[in-house]
Protein backbone atom coordinates (compact mmCIF):
# COMPACT_ATOMS: atom_id res chain seq x y z
CA MET A 1 39.60 -38.35 -32.28
CA ILE A 2 43.02 -38.49 -30.26
CA GLY A 3 43.64 -42.13 -29.60
CA ILE A 4 42.22 -42.28 -26.01
CA ASP A 5 39.36 -45.22 -25.69
CA GLU A 6 35.86 -43.50 -25.58
CA GLY A 7 34.87 -45.70 -22.81
CA CYS A 8 37.21 -43.95 -20.38
CA SER A 9 38.02 -40.36 -22.30
CA SER A 10 35.90 -38.73 -20.26
CA ALA A 11 37.11 -39.40 -16.64
CA ARG A 12 40.89 -39.57 -18.09
CA ILE A 13 40.15 -35.89 -19.32
CA SER A 14 38.36 -34.83 -16.21
CA ARG A 15 41.28 -36.04 -14.13
CA TYR A 16 43.85 -33.82 -16.43
CA GLU A 17 41.53 -31.06 -15.92
CA THR A 18 41.75 -31.28 -12.33
CA GLY A 19 45.22 -31.83 -12.18
CA ALA A 20 44.58 -35.47 -10.41
CA HIS A 21 46.98 -37.00 -13.27
CA LEU A 22 49.39 -35.52 -15.95
CA PRO A 23 48.65 -36.84 -19.25
CA PRO A 24 51.66 -38.47 -21.19
CA PHE A 25 53.41 -35.59 -23.42
CA GLU A 26 52.18 -37.41 -26.54
CA THR A 27 48.64 -37.08 -25.24
CA ALA A 28 49.11 -33.39 -24.44
CA GLU A 29 50.37 -32.81 -28.13
CA LEU A 30 47.55 -34.62 -29.38
CA LEU A 31 45.23 -32.92 -27.71
CA ALA A 32 47.08 -29.50 -28.34
CA GLN A 33 46.78 -30.62 -32.10
CA ALA A 34 42.92 -31.38 -31.79
CA LEU A 35 42.50 -27.93 -30.15
CA ASN A 36 44.34 -26.14 -32.45
CA VAL A 37 46.75 -24.69 -29.23
CA PRO A 38 50.67 -24.96 -28.71
CA VAL A 39 51.28 -28.09 -26.58
CA GLU A 40 53.04 -25.20 -23.83
CA PHE A 41 49.45 -24.12 -23.32
CA PHE A 42 48.73 -27.27 -21.25
CA TYR A 43 51.72 -25.98 -18.64
CA CYS A 44 51.21 -22.73 -18.32
CA ARG A 45 50.60 -21.42 -14.44
CA SER A 46 47.99 -18.37 -15.42
CA ASP A 47 45.37 -18.15 -17.88
CA GLU A 48 47.20 -14.79 -19.03
CA LEU A 49 50.08 -16.26 -19.97
CA ALA A 50 48.28 -18.83 -21.83
CA ALA A 51 46.39 -16.74 -23.80
CA LEU A 52 49.58 -14.77 -24.68
CA LEU A 53 51.09 -18.17 -26.20
CA CYS A 54 48.04 -18.63 -28.13
CA GLU A 55 48.53 -15.37 -29.37
CA VAL A 56 52.27 -15.80 -30.25
CA ALA A 57 52.16 -19.13 -31.47
CA HIS A 58 52.10 -18.83 -35.09
CA PHE A 59 54.06 -15.81 -35.28
CA SER A 60 57.25 -15.64 -37.44
CA ALA A 61 60.82 -15.56 -35.81
CA ASP A 62 60.90 -11.97 -36.65
CA GLU A 63 57.75 -11.09 -34.79
CA LEU A 64 58.89 -13.13 -31.78
CA ALA A 65 62.16 -11.10 -31.45
CA ARG A 66 60.12 -7.99 -31.68
CA VAL A 67 57.46 -9.76 -28.86
CA ARG A 68 60.71 -10.68 -26.82
CA ASN A 69 62.32 -7.48 -27.31
CA ALA A 70 59.05 -5.43 -25.81
CA ALA A 71 58.69 -7.93 -23.01
CA LYS A 72 62.42 -7.18 -21.98
CA ARG A 73 61.88 -3.41 -22.30
CA ILE A 74 58.45 -3.66 -20.14
CA ALA A 75 60.67 -5.87 -17.50
CA LYS A 76 63.45 -3.08 -17.21
CA ALA A 77 61.11 -0.35 -16.56
CA ARG A 78 59.42 -2.28 -13.60
């Protein structure tokens, strides 16, 4: 599916999941494509940020600008 040898893919994916190893960026891109998530998803520090990223990943430039402006307003209000 993403070009990883099936004989060792389970162990490799497990090491990626536990953080024991990081996949090459090209592998992360293939995983993201297979899972229909943005590649940045794998590098988020929190599940909340990853979920937000998935929500906005396919927004237009205008929609992203509106989200960014809303985030700035929230940050200023803190």
